[in-house]
Structure formats: structure tokens, C-alpha cells
Amino acid sequence: MKFFYVQPRTVPLDSLRFRKMASASKKTTKRIHAFYGESYRVTEDMLDRENYPPPPLPFATADHLTQDEIDEFASAAREALGLAPDKPIPHLTRALERAGVAVAPLMLTDVDGEVNTPTAKHFGASYWGGIGATALICYFPGSGDRDRFTLGHELGHLILHTFRPRAEDPESEAHRFAGALLVPRVRAKEELTEQLSLNDYARLKAVWGVSIQALIMRGSAVGNIGDTRKRSLYVQLNQRQWRKNEPVEVGREHPLLLWRLLTRRFGPRPYVPAGEELAIPPAVLRSIAPTPERPPERVAAPVGAVRQFRPR
């Protein structure tokens, strides 16, 4: 019954940022609005009770950002997350959580006739109220490389658009930010060249945990890959049927922060008692703070070998 008496605290849902397809239905988007609002309310409550430090994120305020400036904000984000400036990110989810950005999967059923799949046409949603406020990134779990790009994209929204809500093309900016965060400019200039074959890009996917298509776009963004070569690579992707089913598996990342806060407060089986006190159905709470799976073992591989990218 508590659910009917609580009120969302600080989320203006018209400011919620999405990574979604243009064809996503308004009905599904409205449903995700409501789901995210409850997730944010519960996340804010748990973080506030534990006095968890707010994220020290950089933020943009200028009316217009150049591509180079977006790359600079991506570098500043790496510094804020405590990441090396020019190396692959071993576990983006854990880096975000350590810095105070909560991460939660969304598990909706019966979305446009599907069950929590990309065909729901939404990939992620995020909101940050600004300095000192709670930040929450939600995502629809999929492949490991897609999830990592979605997290980078949503982090881009938090940093680039919290104080620039009327940016001219926020989705393109967030895409550019995600590519720059995952593959820093200096390394992209060195490694993503026109001479690479698709097999070479598959090897780099194993190193960086980024899809082949995103690597091609990143090479284009830094000026290494011309339009003619980019079109040729995409034709080859289609011919090999790699557009929707790329080779090289990127290991899935799993959030831990909200689960740890729940169990610290409500014990090892937290969903029913926490659902009652937090005024949220246990099934919804289980979605945003799932019981963690056993992490994959680290597997060594020869340098340069195509291998699975495993989050650490």
C-alpha cells in the first residue's frame, strides 16, 4: 500500500534522456518513463541513506560543442572515473559505480509483443540532476559490446546535456562521446586505419570491447577512414551478414552497487522486505538490483589473437 502514497522526488521526466530507435512507440516510451521514475526514486533513497558520494562528473555548458571538444569531455570523464587515459576500459559498469553513477538493467515484459529485447526499440535511459545529485543509467541488457556502448552513450548525455537541454543534436553528440570514451583519440588515430580488414577490426573488438561497426565509425570520426572506405567496409559487413551478428563475443557486465546497498540494509534475501519499505513491487526491485551472477574467470590469450573480451 505504501506505493500509493510515495511521490517521485527529483526527476523531471521530461528531462529523461533515451538511447532508442526513431520508430520506438510512444506507449513503450511512456511505460519506460514510469519504470525509470520508480527506479530513480528507489536508487536515490538507497544512495542517500548510505551517504554515498555523488558523482564528480565534468559537464558542458557551451551552446555549441565541436567534435574535438566532445573528445576532450570524454577524456575528462575517464579521469573522473579513475580510468587510464589511453587504455581499454576493463569494466565500464564497475568504473561508473565506483564513481557514484548507479547502473541498473531494465527488465520489462510484454514490450511491443516481445520480452525485454532490443525489438522494444529502446536501449537505455538516464538522468542526472547536476552537481551533488543522484545519477542513474538504466539499460536493456543485450550483447556485451552493445551494453558498453549504451552506458557510454548515456554517460555522454549526463555530461553533455544536463546543463545543455536544448542541444541541437544530442543523440549524435552522445554517440561521438561513447566512441571517444571507449577508444580514446590518440589510440584511435594510431590503430583505426584504412588498411585494416574486417578481420583486423574483429581483433580490435576483442581488445577494446567495442563492436566492429562502432570501431569503423570511430575511425571515421577521427579522420582516419574516408567515406569511400567506410562504405566498402559496411558493404563487406552486409555480405558476411555481420551487421546483426558480429564475430567475437564481448563478455556481459553486471552491476553490483544497488544489490550491495540492498543486502547491507535488508539482508541476503532483500526483495520482499525492501519492496515493502521502499514501496516498490519486489519484481521491479529484482530487475533494477538483480542478484549478481558469478563473474567469468579471467582467460589469458596470446597477444593479437582474436579472443573473447571479458570484463574484469
C-alpha atoms as a PDB file:
ATOM      1  CA  MET A   1       0.000   0.000   0.000  1.00  0.00           C
ATOM      2  CA  LYS A   2       2.925   2.368   0.556  1.00  0.00           C
ATOM      3  CA  PHE A   3       3.347   2.569  -3.229  1.00  0.00           C
ATOM      4  CA  PHE A   4       0.189   4.664  -3.483  1.00  0.00           C
ATOM      5  CA  TYR A   5       1.460   7.262  -1.024  1.00  0.00           C
ATOM      6  CA  VAL A   6       5.019   7.885  -2.152  1.00  0.00           C
ATOM      7  CA  GLN A   7       5.907  10.584  -4.658  1.00  0.00           C
ATOM      8  CA  PRO A   8       8.815  10.748  -7.119  1.00  0.00           C
ATOM      9  CA  ARG A   9      11.354  13.079  -5.555  1.00  0.00           C
ATOM     10  CA  THR A  10      13.511  14.935  -8.024  1.00  0.00           C
ATOM     11  CA  VAL A  11      13.161  13.525 -11.547  1.00  0.00           C
ATOM     12  CA  PRO A  12      11.549  15.838 -14.102  1.00  0.00           C
ATOM     13  CA  LEU A  13      10.695  13.077 -16.532  1.00  0.00           C
ATOM     14  CA  ASP A  14      10.574  15.454 -19.479  1.00  0.00           C
ATOM     15  CA  SER A  15      14.364  15.713 -18.984  1.00  0.00           C
ATOM     16  CA  LEU A  16      14.904  11.957 -19.195  1.00  0.00           C
ATOM     17  CA  ARG A  17      17.378  11.035 -21.929  1.00  0.00           C
ATOM     18  CA  PHE A  18      16.967   7.938 -24.077  1.00  0.00           C
ATOM     19  CA  ARG A  19      19.004   5.846 -26.432  1.00  0.00           C
ATOM     20  CA  LYS A  20      16.240   4.472 -28.672  1.00  0.00           C
ATOM     21  CA  MET A  21      15.214   3.952 -32.258  1.00  0.00           C
ATOM     22  CA  ALA A  22      13.236   6.661 -34.022  1.00  0.00           C
ATOM     23  CA  SER A  23      10.431   4.143 -34.550  1.00  0.00           C
ATOM     24  CA  ALA A  24      10.026   3.401 -30.818  1.00  0.00           C
ATOM     25  CA  SER A  25       6.366   3.602 -29.852  1.00  0.00           C
ATOM     26  CA  LYS A  26       5.085   6.373 -27.594  1.00  0.00           C
ATOM     27  CA  LYS A  27       3.297   3.754 -25.485  1.00  0.00           C
ATOM     28  CA  THR A  28       6.528   1.908 -24.726  1.00  0.00           C
ATOM     29  CA  THR A  29       8.415   5.150 -24.082  1.00  0.00           C
ATOM     30  CA  LYS A  30       5.708   6.252 -21.624  1.00  0.00           C
ATOM     31  CA  ARG A  31       5.948   2.908 -19.838  1.00  0.00           C
ATOM     32  CA  ILE A  32       9.715   3.224 -19.561  1.00  0.00           C
ATOM     33  CA  HIS A  33       9.250   6.771 -18.214  1.00  0.00           C
ATOM     34  CA  ALA A  34       7.201   5.366 -15.343  1.00  0.00           C
ATOM     35  CA  PHE A  35       9.539   2.428 -14.720  1.00  0.00           C
ATOM     36  CA  TYR A  36      12.588   4.684 -14.726  1.00  0.00           C
ATOM     37  CA  GLY A  37      10.909   7.159 -12.343  1.00  0.00           C
ATOM     38  CA  GLU A  38      10.356   4.437  -9.754  1.00  0.00           C
ATOM     39  CA  SER A  39      13.879   3.114 -10.267  1.00  0.00           C
ATOM     40  CA  TYR A  40      15.315   6.579  -9.721  1.00  0.00           C
ATOM     41  CA  ARG A  41      13.225   7.151  -6.586  1.00  0.00           C
ATOM     42  CA  VAL A  42      14.450   3.909  -5.005  1.00  0.00           C
ATOM     43  CA  THR A  43      18.059   4.479  -6.109  1.00  0.00           C
ATOM     44  CA  GLU A  44      18.084   7.977  -4.668  1.00  0.00           C
ATOM     45  CA  ASP A  45      16.682   6.687  -1.377  1.00  0.00           C
ATOM     46  CA  MET A  46      19.336   3.964  -1.046  1.00  0.00           C
ATOM     47  CA  LEU A  47      22.248   6.209  -2.003  1.00  0.00           C
ATOM     48  CA  ASP A  48      21.097   8.994   0.334  1.00  0.00           C
ATOM     49  CA  ARG A  49      20.701   6.638   3.294  1.00  0.00           C
ATOM     50  CA  GLU A  50      24.236   5.334   2.817  1.00  0.00           C
ATOM     51  CA  ASN A  51      25.661   8.845   2.259  1.00  0.00           C
ATOM     52  CA  TYR A  52      27.130   7.529  -0.974  1.00  0.00           C
ATOM     53  CA  PRO A  53      29.179  10.295  -2.597  1.00  0.00           C
ATOM     54  CA  PRO A  54      27.616  11.931  -5.670  1.00  0.00           C
ATOM     55  CA  PRO A  55      29.438  11.503  -8.985  1.00  0.00           C
ATOM     56  CA  PRO A  56      32.190  14.072  -9.699  1.00  0.00           C
ATOM     57  CA  LEU A  57      31.300  14.327 -13.379  1.00  0.00           C
ATOM     58  CA  PRO A  58      32.524  17.085 -15.695  1.00  0.00           C
ATOM     59  CA  PHE A  59      29.768  18.894 -17.545  1.00  0.00           C
ATOM     60  CA  ALA A  60      29.345  21.006 -20.664  1.00  0.00           C
ATOM     61  CA  THR A  61      27.646  24.398 -20.732  1.00  0.00           C
ATOM     62  CA  ALA A  62      28.583  25.919 -24.104  1.00  0.00           C
ATOM     63  CA  ASP A  63      25.840  26.366 -26.693  1.00  0.00           C
ATOM     64  CA  HIS A  64      27.846  24.501 -29.323  1.00  0.00           C
ATOM     65  CA  LEU A  65      30.428  21.732 -28.992  1.00  0.00           C
ATOM     66  CA  THR A  66      32.954  20.774 -31.644  1.00  0.00           C
ATOM     67  CA  GLN A  67      33.941  17.166 -32.193  1.00  0.00           C
ATOM     68  CA  ASP A  68      37.306  17.858 -30.590  1.00  0.00           C
ATOM     69  CA  GLU A  69      35.594  19.326 -27.518  1.00  0.00           C
ATOM     70  CA  ILE A  70      33.436  16.217 -27.176  1.00  0.00           C
ATOM     71  CA  ASP A  71      36.614  14.126 -27.265  1.00  0.00           C
ATOM     72  CA  GLU A  72      38.047  16.338 -24.516  1.00  0.00           C
ATOM     73  CA  PHE A  73      34.964  15.757 -22.338  1.00  0.00           C
ATOM     74  CA  ALA A  74      35.367  12.017 -22.895  1.00  0.00           C
ATOM     75  CA  SER A  75      38.977  12.300 -21.670  1.00  0.00           C
ATOM     76  CA  ALA A  76      37.796  14.277 -18.635  1.00  0.00           C
ATOM     77  CA  ALA A  77      35.190  11.580 -17.955  1.00  0.00           C
ATOM     78  CA  ARG A  78      37.909   8.908 -17.942  1.00  0.00           C
ATOM     79  CA  GLU A  79      39.807  10.947 -15.370  1.00  0.00           C
ATOM     80  CA  ALA A  80      36.668  11.384 -13.236  1.00  0.00           C
ATOM     81  CA  LEU A  81      36.063   7.622 -13.370  1.00  0.00           C
ATOM     82  CA  GLY A  82      39.649   6.860 -12.375  1.00  0.00           C
ATOM     83  CA  LEU A  83      40.487   5.233 -15.712  1.00  0.00           C
ATOM     84  CA  ALA A  84      43.735   5.237 -17.660  1.00  0.00           C
ATOM     85  CA  PRO A  85      43.698   7.916 -20.379  1.00  0.00           C
ATOM     86  CA  ASP A  86      44.564   5.654 -23.321  1.00  0.00           C
ATOM     87  CA  LYS A  87      43.830   2.036 -22.447  1.00  0.00           C
ATOM     88  CA  PRO A  88      40.795  -0.240 -22.949  1.00  0.00           C
ATOM     89  CA  ILE A  89      38.204   0.027 -20.176  1.00  0.00           C
ATOM     90  CA  PRO A  90      38.150  -3.394 -18.493  1.00  0.00           C
ATOM     91  CA  HIS A  91      34.747  -2.963 -16.784  1.00  0.00           C
ATOM     92  CA  LEU A  92      32.798   0.209 -17.564  1.00  0.00           C
ATOM     93  CA  THR A  93      29.907  -0.662 -15.261  1.00  0.00           C
ATOM     94  CA  ARG A  94      32.166  -1.031 -12.235  1.00  0.00           C
ATOM     95  CA  ALA A  95      34.004   2.202 -13.055  1.00  0.00           C
ATOM     96  CA  LEU A  96      30.700   4.083 -13.157  1.00  0.00           C
ATOM     97  CA  GLU A  97      29.527   2.576  -9.873  1.00  0.00           C
ATOM     98  CA  ARG A  98      32.804   3.346  -8.101  1.00  0.00           C
ATOM     99  CA  ALA A  99      32.412   6.967  -9.187  1.00  0.00           C
ATOM    100  CA  GLY A 100      28.858   7.172  -7.825  1.00  0.00           C
ATOM    101  CA  VAL A 101      26.865   6.663 -11.032  1.00  0.00           C
ATOM    102  CA  ALA A 102      24.272   3.957 -10.359  1.00  0.00           C
ATOM    103  CA  VAL A 103      23.666   1.428 -13.145  1.00  0.00           C
ATOM    104  CA  ALA A 104      20.512  -0.688 -13.391  1.00  0.00           C
ATOM    105  CA  PRO A 105      19.183  -3.093 -16.019  1.00  0.00           C
ATOM    106  CA  LEU A 106      15.574  -2.710 -17.137  1.00  0.00           C
ATOM    107  CA  MET A 107      13.612  -5.948 -17.442  1.00  0.00           C
ATOM    108  CA  LEU A 108      10.203  -5.165 -18.894  1.00  0.00           C
ATOM    109  CA  THR A 109       7.924  -7.952 -20.097  1.00  0.00           C
ATOM    110  CA  ASP A 110       5.491  -7.859 -22.986  1.00  0.00           C
ATOM    111  CA  VAL A 111       7.014  -4.773 -24.636  1.00  0.00           C
ATOM    112  CA  ASP A 112       5.531  -4.427 -28.118  1.00  0.00           C
ATOM    113  CA  GLY A 113       4.876  -8.162 -28.051  1.00  0.00           C
ATOM    114  CA  GLU A 114       8.430  -9.007 -27.002  1.00  0.00           C
ATOM    115  CA  VAL A 115      10.115  -9.716 -23.674  1.00  0.00           C
ATOM    116  CA  ASN A 116      12.917  -7.303 -22.865  1.00  0.00           C
ATOM    117  CA  THR A 117      14.673  -7.450 -26.242  1.00  0.00           C
ATOM    118  CA  PRO A 118      16.151  -4.764 -28.490  1.00  0.00           C
ATOM    119  CA  THR A 119      12.979  -5.021 -30.576  1.00  0.00           C
ATOM    120  CA  ALA A 120      11.383  -2.905 -27.877  1.00  0.00           C
ATOM    121  CA  LYS A 121      13.469  -0.270 -29.721  1.00  0.00           C
ATOM    122  CA  HIS A 122      14.915   1.230 -26.544  1.00  0.00           C
ATOM    123  CA  PHE A 123      18.480   0.664 -25.377  1.00  0.00           C
ATOM    124  CA  GLY A 124      18.935   2.926 -22.354  1.00  0.00           C
ATOM    125  CA  ALA A 125      17.732   5.890 -20.324  1.00  0.00           C
ATOM    126  CA  SER A 126      19.495   8.252 -17.937  1.00  0.00           C
ATOM    127  CA  TYR A 127      19.123  11.297 -15.717  1.00  0.00           C
ATOM    128  CA  TRP A 128      21.437  13.374 -13.532  1.00  0.00           C
ATOM    129  CA  GLY A 129      20.157  16.346 -11.586  1.00  0.00           C
ATOM    130  CA  GLY A 130      23.521  18.090 -11.629  1.00  0.00           C
ATOM    131  CA  ILE A 131      26.230  18.734  -9.044  1.00  0.00           C
ATOM    132  CA  GLY A 132      25.549  16.806  -5.835  1.00  0.00           C
ATOM    133  CA  ALA A 133      22.554  14.926  -7.269  1.00  0.00           C
ATOM    134  CA  THR A 134      21.949  11.243  -7.932  1.00  0.00           C
ATOM    135  CA  ALA A 135      22.831   9.911 -11.388  1.00  0.00           C
ATOM    136  CA  LEU A 136      21.198   6.747 -12.720  1.00  0.00           C
ATOM    137  CA  ILE A 137      21.803   4.963 -16.019  1.00  0.00           C
ATOM    138  CA  CYS A 138      19.344   2.226 -16.972  1.00  0.00           C
ATOM    139  CA  TYR A 139      19.832  -0.108 -19.921  1.00  0.00           C
ATOM    140  CA  PHE A 140      18.108  -3.013 -21.636  1.00  0.00           C
ATOM    141  CA  PRO A 141      20.588  -5.915 -21.440  1.00  0.00           C
ATOM    142  CA  GLY A 142      21.819  -7.249 -24.769  1.00  0.00           C
ATOM    143  CA  SER A 143      25.217  -8.164 -26.121  1.00  0.00           C
ATOM    144  CA  GLY A 144      28.231  -7.066 -24.095  1.00  0.00           C
ATOM    145  CA  ASP A 145      29.533  -4.633 -26.709  1.00  0.00           C
ATOM    146  CA  ARG A 146      26.116  -3.030 -27.186  1.00  0.00           C
ATOM    147  CA  ASP A 147      25.622  -2.629 -23.432  1.00  0.00           C
ATOM    148  CA  ARG A 148      29.021  -0.946 -23.051  1.00  0.00           C
ATOM    149  CA  PHE A 149      28.254   1.453 -25.881  1.00  0.00           C
ATOM    150  CA  THR A 150      24.833   2.213 -24.357  1.00  0.00           C
ATOM    151  CA  LEU A 151      26.452   3.024 -20.999  1.00  0.00           C
ATOM    152  CA  GLY A 152      28.950   5.300 -22.736  1.00  0.00           C
ATOM    153  CA  HIS A 153      26.148   6.936 -24.728  1.00  0.00           C
ATOM    154  CA  GLU A 154      24.068   7.600 -21.607  1.00  0.00           C
ATOM    155  CA  LEU A 155      27.105   8.917 -19.725  1.00  0.00           C
ATOM    156  CA  GLY A 156      27.535  11.284 -22.655  1.00  0.00           C
ATOM    157  CA  HIS A 157      24.003  12.553 -22.102  1.00  0.00           C
ATOM    158  CA  LEU A 158      24.708  13.163 -18.407  1.00  0.00           C
ATOM    159  CA  ILE A 159      27.896  15.107 -19.113  1.00  0.00           C
ATOM    160  CA  LEU A 160      26.969  16.912 -22.317  1.00  0.00           C
ATOM    161  CA  HIS A 161      23.263  17.626 -21.876  1.00  0.00           C
ATOM    162  CA  THR A 162      22.405  18.032 -18.180  1.00  0.00           C
ATOM    163  CA  PHE A 163      23.215  21.749 -18.494  1.00  0.00           C
ATOM    164  CA  ARG A 164      22.547  21.906 -22.259  1.00  0.00           C
ATOM    165  CA  PRO A 165      18.993  20.527 -22.519  1.00  0.00           C
ATOM    166  CA  ARG A 166      18.407  22.194 -25.890  1.00  0.00           C
ATOM    167  CA  ALA A 167      21.488  20.929 -27.705  1.00  0.00           C
ATOM    168  CA  GLU A 168      20.903  20.818 -31.456  1.00  0.00           C
ATOM    169  CA  ASP A 169      21.722  17.124 -31.990  1.00  0.00           C
ATOM    170  CA  PRO A 170      22.118  15.400 -28.614  1.00  0.00           C
ATOM    171  CA  GLU A 171      21.992  11.845 -29.988  1.00  0.00           C
ATOM    172  CA  SER A 172      24.888  12.380 -32.389  1.00  0.00           C
ATOM    173  CA  GLU A 173      26.877  14.081 -29.628  1.00  0.00           C
ATOM    174  CA  ALA A 174      26.243  11.179 -27.236  1.00  0.00           C
ATOM    175  CA  HIS A 175      27.292   8.675 -29.919  1.00  0.00           C
ATOM    176  CA  ARG A 176      30.507  10.589 -30.540  1.00  0.00           C
ATOM    177  CA  PHE A 177      31.145  10.754 -26.795  1.00  0.00           C
ATOM    178  CA  ALA A 178      30.650   6.991 -26.369  1.00  0.00           C
ATOM    179  CA  GLY A 179      33.144   6.235 -29.146  1.00  0.00           C
ATOM    180  CA  ALA A 180      35.669   8.679 -27.684  1.00  0.00           C
ATOM    181  CA  LEU A 181      35.240   7.277 -24.173  1.00  0.00           C
ATOM    182  CA  LEU A 182      35.717   3.662 -25.235  1.00  0.00           C
ATOM    183  CA  VAL A 183      38.508   4.291 -27.788  1.00  0.00           C
ATOM    184  CA  PRO A 184      40.483   7.455 -26.910  1.00  0.00           C
ATOM    185  CA  ARG A 185      41.519   9.701 -29.760  1.00  0.00           C
ATOM    186  CA  VAL A 186      45.274   9.055 -29.566  1.00  0.00           C
ATOM    187  CA  ARG A 187      44.761   5.282 -29.809  1.00  0.00           C
ATOM    188  CA  ALA A 188      42.084   5.595 -32.483  1.00  0.00           C
ATOM    189  CA  LYS A 189      44.474   7.668 -34.620  1.00  0.00           C
ATOM    190  CA  GLU A 190      47.171   5.016 -34.180  1.00  0.00           C
ATOM    191  CA  GLU A 191      45.111   1.870 -34.690  1.00  0.00           C
ATOM    192  CA  LEU A 192      41.993   2.516 -36.805  1.00  0.00           C
ATOM    193  CA  THR A 193      43.346   2.948 -40.315  1.00  0.00           C
ATOM    194  CA  GLU A 194      42.027   2.405 -43.830  1.00  0.00           C
ATOM    195  CA  GLN A 195      44.429  -0.501 -44.339  1.00  0.00           C
ATOM    196  CA  LEU A 196      42.613  -2.705 -41.816  1.00  0.00           C
ATOM    197  CA  SER A 197      40.432  -5.598 -42.966  1.00  0.00           C
ATOM    198  CA  LEU A 198      37.269  -6.712 -41.186  1.00  0.00           C
ATOM    199  CA  ASN A 199      39.271  -9.494 -39.551  1.00  0.00           C
ATOM    200  CA  ASP A 200      41.630  -6.835 -38.194  1.00  0.00           C
ATOM    201  CA  TYR A 201      38.636  -4.973 -36.763  1.00  0.00           C
ATOM    202  CA  ALA A 202      37.446  -8.219 -35.160  1.00  0.00           C
ATOM    203  CA  ARG A 203      40.805  -8.474 -33.367  1.00  0.00           C
ATOM    204  CA  LEU A 204      40.476  -4.874 -32.178  1.00  0.00           C
ATOM    205  CA  LYS A 205      36.958  -5.608 -30.965  1.00  0.00           C
ATOM    206  CA  ALA A 206      38.451  -8.258 -28.681  1.00  0.00           C
ATOM    207  CA  VAL A 207      40.921  -5.683 -27.330  1.00  0.00           C
ATOM    208  CA  TRP A 208      38.582  -2.702 -26.819  1.00  0.00           C
ATOM    209  CA  GLY A 209      35.223  -4.379 -26.124  1.00  0.00           C
ATOM    210  CA  VAL A 210      33.628  -2.269 -28.878  1.00  0.00           C
ATOM    211  CA  SER A 211      31.656  -3.521 -31.876  1.00  0.00           C
ATOM    212  CA  ILE A 212      33.266  -3.641 -35.317  1.00  0.00           C
ATOM    213  CA  GLN A 213      30.724  -1.127 -36.593  1.00  0.00           C
ATOM    214  CA  ALA A 214      31.466   1.291 -33.752  1.00  0.00           C
ATOM    215  CA  LEU A 215      35.207   0.953 -34.410  1.00  0.00           C
ATOM    216  CA  ILE A 216      34.679   1.841 -38.078  1.00  0.00           C
ATOM    217  CA  MET A 217      32.616   4.877 -37.087  1.00  0.00           C
ATOM    218  CA  ARG A 218      35.292   5.886 -34.576  1.00  0.00           C
ATOM    219  CA  GLY A 219      37.990   5.652 -37.248  1.00  0.00           C
ATOM    220  CA  SER A 220      35.836   7.841 -39.476  1.00  0.00           C
ATOM    221  CA  ALA A 221      35.216  10.354 -36.666  1.00  0.00           C
ATOM    222  CA  VAL A 222      38.950  10.910 -36.086  1.00  0.00           C
ATOM    223  CA  GLY A 223      39.571  11.341 -39.817  1.00  0.00           C
ATOM    224  CA  ASN A 224      41.421   8.074 -40.453  1.00  0.00           C
ATOM    225  CA  ILE A 225      38.772   6.378 -42.572  1.00  0.00           C
ATOM    226  CA  GLY A 226      37.356   8.149 -45.613  1.00  0.00           C
ATOM    227  CA  ASP A 227      33.752   7.852 -46.807  1.00  0.00           C
ATOM    228  CA  THR A 228      34.648   5.524 -49.682  1.00  0.00           C
ATOM    229  CA  ARG A 229      36.468   3.061 -47.439  1.00  0.00           C
ATOM    230  CA  LYS A 230      33.717   3.274 -44.796  1.00  0.00           C
ATOM    231  CA  ARG A 231      31.064   2.397 -47.381  1.00  0.00           C
ATOM    232  CA  SER A 232      33.197  -0.502 -48.615  1.00  0.00           C
ATOM    233  CA  LEU A 233      33.577  -1.885 -45.089  1.00  0.00           C
ATOM    234  CA  TYR A 234      29.830  -1.708 -44.498  1.00  0.00           C
ATOM    235  CA  VAL A 235      29.164  -3.489 -47.785  1.00  0.00           C
ATOM    236  CA  GLN A 236      31.504  -6.237 -46.597  1.00  0.00           C
ATOM    237  CA  LEU A 237      29.693  -6.380 -43.259  1.00  0.00           C
ATOM    238  CA  ASN A 238      26.421  -6.935 -45.111  1.00  0.00           C
ATOM    239  CA  GLN A 239      27.946  -9.570 -47.367  1.00  0.00           C
ATOM    240  CA  ARG A 240      29.224 -11.516 -44.370  1.00  0.00           C
ATOM    241  CA  GLN A 241      25.935 -10.958 -42.521  1.00  0.00           C
ATOM    242  CA  TRP A 242      27.826  -9.313 -39.685  1.00  0.00           C
ATOM    243  CA  ARG A 243      25.589  -6.260 -39.306  1.00  0.00           C
ATOM    244  CA  LYS A 244      23.350  -8.021 -36.771  1.00  0.00           C
ATOM    245  CA  ASN A 245      25.593 -10.907 -35.760  1.00  0.00           C
ATOM    246  CA  GLU A 246      29.223  -9.866 -35.422  1.00  0.00           C
ATOM    247  CA  PRO A 247      32.000 -12.325 -34.541  1.00  0.00           C
ATOM    248  CA  VAL A 248      33.916 -12.073 -31.240  1.00  0.00           C
ATOM    249  CA  GLU A 249      31.811 -12.203 -28.112  1.00  0.00           C
ATOM    250  CA  VAL A 250      32.211  -9.367 -25.623  1.00  0.00           C
ATOM    251  CA  GLY A 251      31.516 -10.513 -22.066  1.00  0.00           C
ATOM    252  CA  ARG A 252      28.474  -9.064 -20.351  1.00  0.00           C
ATOM    253  CA  GLU A 253      28.986  -6.687 -17.437  1.00  0.00           C
ATOM    254  CA  HIS A 254      26.753  -6.913 -14.378  1.00  0.00           C
ATOM    255  CA  PRO A 255      26.002  -4.089 -11.911  1.00  0.00           C
ATOM    256  CA  LEU A 256      26.638  -4.621  -8.194  1.00  0.00           C
ATOM    257  CA  LEU A 257      26.177  -1.301  -6.402  1.00  0.00           C
ATOM    258  CA  LEU A 258      22.400  -1.340  -5.828  1.00  0.00           C
ATOM    259  CA  TRP A 259      22.476  -5.038  -4.870  1.00  0.00           C
ATOM    260  CA  ARG A 260      25.156  -4.381  -2.270  1.00  0.00           C
ATOM    261  CA  LEU A 261      23.227  -1.459  -0.810  1.00  0.00           C
ATOM    262  CA  LEU A 262      20.078  -3.586  -0.650  1.00  0.00           C
ATOM    263  CA  THR A 263      21.725  -6.527   1.096  1.00  0.00           C
ATOM    264  CA  ARG A 264      23.564  -4.265   3.511  1.00  0.00           C
ATOM    265  CA  ARG A 265      20.246  -2.825   4.617  1.00  0.00           C
ATOM    266  CA  PHE A 266      17.830  -5.760   4.214  1.00  0.00           C
ATOM    267  CA  GLY A 267      19.974  -8.897   4.374  1.00  0.00           C
ATOM    268  CA  PRO A 268      20.885 -11.592   1.827  1.00  0.00           C
ATOM    269  CA  ARG A 269      17.266 -12.011   0.622  1.00  0.00           C
ATOM    270  CA  PRO A 270      16.279  -8.394   0.308  1.00  0.00           C
ATOM    271  CA  TYR A 271      13.494  -8.173  -2.248  1.00  0.00           C
ATOM    272  CA  VAL A 272      10.358  -8.753  -0.150  1.00  0.00           C
ATOM    273  CA  PRO A 273      11.348  -6.709   2.941  1.00  0.00           C
ATOM    274  CA  ALA A 274      12.909  -3.989   0.777  1.00  0.00           C
ATOM    275  CA  GLY A 275       9.887  -3.888  -1.505  1.00  0.00           C
ATOM    276  CA  GLU A 276       7.630  -3.231   1.468  1.00  0.00           C
ATOM    277  CA  GLU A 277       9.767  -0.481   2.991  1.00  0.00           C
ATOM    278  CA  LEU A 278      10.699   1.174  -0.324  1.00  0.00           C
ATOM    279  CA  ALA A 279       7.134   0.925  -1.646  1.00  0.00           C
ATOM    280  CA  ILE A 280       8.031  -0.889  -4.844  1.00  0.00           C
ATOM    281  CA  PRO A 281       6.986  -4.337  -6.117  1.00  0.00           C
ATOM    282  CA  PRO A 282       9.698  -6.928  -5.412  1.00  0.00           C
ATOM    283  CA  ALA A 283       9.721  -7.981  -9.075  1.00  0.00           C
ATOM    284  CA  VAL A 284      10.599  -4.425 -10.126  1.00  0.00           C
ATOM    285  CA  LEU A 285      13.269  -4.229  -7.443  1.00  0.00           C
ATOM    286  CA  ARG A 286      14.720  -7.531  -8.636  1.00  0.00           C
ATOM    287  CA  SER A 287      15.002  -6.008 -12.113  1.00  0.00           C
ATOM    288  CA  ILE A 288      16.981  -2.917 -11.162  1.00  0.00           C
ATOM    289  CA  ALA A 289      19.105  -4.665  -8.499  1.00  0.00           C
ATOM    290  CA  PRO A 290      19.444  -8.277  -9.702  1.00  0.00           C
ATOM    291  CA  THR A 291      21.221 -10.932  -7.713  1.00  0.00           C
ATOM    292  CA  PRO A 292      24.725 -10.949  -9.211  1.00  0.00           C
ATOM    293  CA  GLU A 293      25.856 -13.825 -11.346  1.00  0.00           C
ATOM    294  CA  ARG A 294      29.195 -15.496 -10.738  1.00  0.00           C
ATOM    295  CA  PRO A 295      31.806 -13.410 -12.602  1.00  0.00           C
ATOM    296  CA  PRO A 296      33.554 -15.126 -15.538  1.00  0.00           C
ATOM    297  CA  GLU A 297      37.053 -16.417 -14.996  1.00  0.00           C
ATOM    298  CA  ARG A 298      39.870 -14.409 -16.469  1.00  0.00           C
ATOM    299  CA  VAL A 299      41.268 -16.125 -19.536  1.00  0.00           C
ATOM    300  CA  ALA A 300      44.706 -15.279 -20.852  1.00  0.00           C
ATOM    301  CA  ALA A 301      45.193 -15.207 -24.621  1.00  0.00           C
ATOM    302  CA  PRO A 302      48.176 -14.660 -26.904  1.00  0.00           C
ATOM    303  CA  VAL A 303      48.785 -11.045 -27.856  1.00  0.00           C
ATOM    304  CA  GLY A 304      46.989 -10.258 -31.102  1.00  0.00           C
ATOM    305  CA  ALA A 305      44.772 -13.347 -31.006  1.00  0.00           C
ATOM    306  CA  VAL A 306      41.042 -12.986 -31.619  1.00  0.00           C
ATOM    307  CA  ARG A 307      39.510 -13.799 -28.273  1.00  0.00           C
ATOM    308  CA  GLN A 308      36.526 -13.032 -26.127  1.00  0.00           C
ATOM    309  CA  PHE A 309      36.629  -9.637 -24.420  1.00  0.00           C
ATOM    310  CA  ARG A 310      35.929 -10.359 -20.745  1.00  0.00           C
ATOM    311  CA  PRO A 311      35.051  -7.571 -18.297  1.00  0.00           C
ATOM    312  CA  ARG A 312      37.246  -7.529 -15.209  1.00  0.00           C
END
